Amino acid sequence: MKRILRPVIFIAAALYFAVDELFSWIVRPIANWLSRLSILQGVRRWITGLEPYPALLLFVVPLLILEPAKPLATYFIATGHVTYGVLVFAVAELLKVVMVERLFDLNRDKLLSIPAFAWCYARFRMVFAWLQSFEIWRATRRRFARVKQAIASAFASLKRKRMRYQG
């Protein structure tokens, strides 16, 4: 049984992380822009001033709300409601990147000072390292990097052409 489940678990985990990585690449510039807004600087100071356990609570609540949205989005897509599925996934992922990843970045050391959190995070990193050790993962990352470079080149080319026409 374990032998049968291992490839299924690998494929599910790889797809989860691949979709997460792809969407993070798309929404990260939005998250970076939002984090630079001066109106949010007070919120940032408040978050970084939290003690470890309140920081953990602030980190876990949005994660518990947003992670179930991915299976919900998959359900919508599978039942023919593609627009709803894509919308639910996009909003949940945008909020996750903006909120959960920023909260982790701001309070990483405090969160890792909590033994149970540090243990879970270490296990998460082990699973991620295991997935990254496969050649298919590395090949996909190389291909993804080439696609990102092609998109960046296309945008740079368009920008240069626009600048020539404006100048």
Protein backbone atom coordinates (compact mmCIF):
# COMPACT_ATOMS: atom_id res chain seq x y z
CA MET A 1 0.00 0.00 0.00
CA LYS A 2 2.80 2.41 0.93
CA ARG A 3 4.45 1.69 -2.42
CA ILE A 4 1.28 2.67 -4.27
CA LEU A 5 0.64 5.84 -2.28
CA ARG A 6 4.15 7.27 -2.58
CA PRO A 7 3.91 8.29 -6.28
CA VAL A 8 0.40 9.65 -5.76
CA ILE A 9 1.55 11.74 -2.82
CA PHE A 10 4.58 12.92 -4.78
CA ILE A 11 2.46 14.01 -7.76
CA ALA A 12 -0.08 15.77 -5.54
CA ALA A 13 2.64 17.57 -3.57
CA ALA A 14 4.59 18.50 -6.70
CA LEU A 15 1.47 19.91 -8.37
CA TYR A 16 0.55 21.82 -5.22
CA PHE A 17 3.99 23.41 -4.93
CA ALA A 18 4.28 24.05 -8.68
CA VAL A 19 0.94 25.88 -8.85
CA ASP A 20 1.81 27.74 -5.67
CA GLU A 21 5.19 28.77 -7.10
CA LEU A 22 3.72 29.85 -10.42
CA PHE A 23 1.03 31.94 -8.84
CA SER A 24 3.45 33.42 -6.30
CA TRP A 25 5.66 34.57 -9.15
CA ILE A 26 2.70 36.38 -10.68
CA VAL A 27 1.38 38.05 -7.52
CA ARG A 28 4.65 38.74 -5.69
CA PRO A 29 5.15 42.11 -7.47
CA ILE A 30 1.70 43.15 -6.24
CA ALA A 31 2.58 42.05 -2.72
CA ASN A 32 5.88 43.96 -2.87
CA TRP A 33 4.09 47.08 -4.07
CA LEU A 34 1.52 46.83 -1.29
CA SER A 35 4.21 46.33 1.35
CA ARG A 36 5.86 49.62 0.32
CA LEU A 37 2.72 51.69 0.81
CA SER A 38 3.29 54.22 3.56
CA ILE A 39 -0.20 53.67 4.93
CA LEU A 40 0.80 50.10 5.90
CA GLN A 41 4.00 51.05 7.74
CA GLY A 42 2.17 51.38 11.07
CA VAL A 43 0.65 47.93 10.62
CA ARG A 44 4.12 46.58 9.83
CA ARG A 45 5.56 48.09 13.03
CA TRP A 46 2.69 46.61 15.05
CA ILE A 47 3.20 43.15 13.52
CA THR A 48 6.95 43.14 14.13
CA GLY A 49 6.35 44.25 17.72
CA LEU A 50 4.25 41.19 18.56
CA GLU A 51 5.45 38.50 20.93
CA PRO A 52 5.94 34.98 19.47
CA TYR A 53 2.53 33.45 20.33
CA PRO A 54 0.39 36.39 19.17
CA ALA A 55 2.54 36.42 16.01
CA LEU A 56 1.77 32.71 15.59
CA LEU A 57 -1.96 33.35 15.95
CA LEU A 58 -1.79 36.17 13.41
CA PHE A 59 0.08 33.82 11.04
CA VAL A 60 -2.17 30.76 11.47
CA VAL A 61 -5.62 32.35 11.20
CA PRO A 62 -5.31 33.58 7.59
CA LEU A 63 -3.53 30.36 6.64
CA LEU A 64 -6.41 28.27 8.00
CA ILE A 65 -8.89 30.41 6.11
CA LEU A 66 -7.03 30.63 2.79
CA GLU A 67 -5.59 27.12 2.30
CA PRO A 68 -8.99 25.40 2.05
CA ALA A 69 -9.84 27.76 -0.81
CA LYS A 70 -7.58 25.75 -3.16
CA PRO A 71 -9.60 22.53 -2.91
CA LEU A 72 -12.76 24.63 -3.16
CA ALA A 73 -11.46 26.23 -6.35
CA THR A 74 -10.60 22.78 -7.71
CA TYR A 75 -14.12 21.62 -6.90
CA PHE A 76 -15.62 24.60 -8.76
CA ILE A 77 -13.45 23.90 -11.80
CA ALA A 78 -14.22 20.18 -11.73
CA THR A 79 -17.96 20.85 -11.60
CA GLY A 80 -17.84 23.18 -14.61
CA HIS A 81 -17.70 26.51 -12.77
CA VAL A 82 -14.31 27.46 -14.18
CA THR A 83 -14.71 31.21 -13.72
CA TYR A 84 -15.63 30.83 -10.05
CA GLY A 85 -12.82 28.34 -9.53
CA VAL A 86 -10.19 30.57 -11.07
CA LEU A 87 -11.51 33.59 -9.20
CA VAL A 88 -11.53 31.81 -5.83
CA PHE A 89 -8.03 30.46 -6.44
CA ALA A 90 -6.66 33.82 -7.60
CA VAL A 91 -8.09 35.80 -4.69
CA ALA A 92 -7.04 33.21 -2.09
CA GLU A 93 -3.54 32.95 -3.51
CA LEU A 94 -3.13 36.72 -3.74
CA LEU A 95 -4.25 37.12 -0.13
CA LYS A 96 -2.02 34.24 0.96
CA VAL A 97 1.07 35.71 -0.67
CA VAL A 98 0.31 39.19 0.59
CA MET A 99 -0.66 38.18 4.12
CA VAL A 100 0.77 34.82 5.14
CA GLU A 101 4.16 35.09 3.45
CA ARG A 102 4.62 38.67 4.66
CA LEU A 103 3.64 37.70 8.18
CA PHE A 104 6.15 34.86 8.10
CA ASP A 105 8.87 37.13 6.71
CA LEU A 106 8.23 39.77 9.35
CA ASN A 107 8.12 37.35 12.30
CA ARG A 108 10.26 34.43 11.12
CA ASP A 109 12.65 34.42 14.07
CA LYS A 110 9.82 34.79 16.61
CA LEU A 111 7.81 32.00 14.98
CA LEU A 112 10.81 29.68 14.85
CA SER A 113 11.43 30.32 18.55
CA ILE A 114 8.23 28.35 19.25
CA PRO A 115 9.32 24.68 19.44
CA ALA A 116 6.19 23.16 17.85
CA PHE A 117 6.27 25.66 14.99
CA ALA A 118 9.98 25.08 14.44
CA TRP A 119 9.37 21.31 14.34
CA CYS A 120 6.54 21.66 11.79
CA TYR A 121 8.56 24.10 9.70
CA ALA A 122 11.54 21.72 9.68
CA ARG A 123 9.26 18.88 8.45
CA PHE A 124 7.81 21.15 5.77
CA ARG A 125 11.31 22.08 4.60
CA MET A 126 12.28 18.37 4.54
CA VAL A 127 9.31 17.51 2.30
CA PHE A 128 10.11 20.44 0.04
CA ALA A 129 13.79 19.42 -0.16
CA TRP A 130 12.70 15.84 -0.98
CA LEU A 131 10.57 17.12 -3.86
CA GLN A 132 13.38 19.35 -5.09
CA SER A 133 15.77 16.40 -5.16
CA PHE A 134 13.95 14.81 -8.10
CA GLU A 135 15.23 15.46 -11.62
CA ILE A 136 11.72 16.16 -12.89
CA TRP A 137 11.45 18.96 -10.33
CA ARG A 138 14.78 20.45 -11.37
CA ALA A 139 13.92 20.15 -15.07
CA THR A 140 10.59 21.86 -14.47
CA ARG A 141 12.31 24.66 -12.56
CA ARG A 142 14.79 25.16 -15.42
CA ARG A 143 11.95 25.29 -17.94
CA PHE A 144 10.00 27.68 -15.72
CA ALA A 145 13.09 29.92 -15.44
CA ARG A 146 13.37 29.99 -19.27
CA VAL A 147 9.69 30.92 -19.58
CA LYS A 148 10.11 33.69 -16.98
CA GLN A 149 13.15 34.99 -18.87
CA ALA A 150 11.26 34.94 -22.19
CA ILE A 151 8.36 36.85 -20.66
CA ALA A 152 10.72 39.39 -19.08
CA SER A 153 12.52 39.84 -22.42
CA ALA A 154 9.23 40.34 -24.24
CA PHE A 155 8.12 42.99 -21.76
CA ALA A 156 11.52 44.72 -21.95
CA SER A 157 11.31 44.72 -25.74
CA LEU A 158 7.82 46.20 -25.66
CA LYS A 159 8.97 48.83 -23.21
CA ARG A 160 11.94 49.79 -25.43
CA LYS A 161 9.66 50.06 -28.47
CA ARG A 162 7.20 52.20 -26.55
CA MET A 163 10.00 54.47 -25.36
CA ARG A 164 11.22 54.91 -28.97
CA TYR A 165 7.75 55.91 -30.15
CA GLN A 166 7.27 58.33 -27.27
CA GLY A 167 10.70 59.93 -27.63
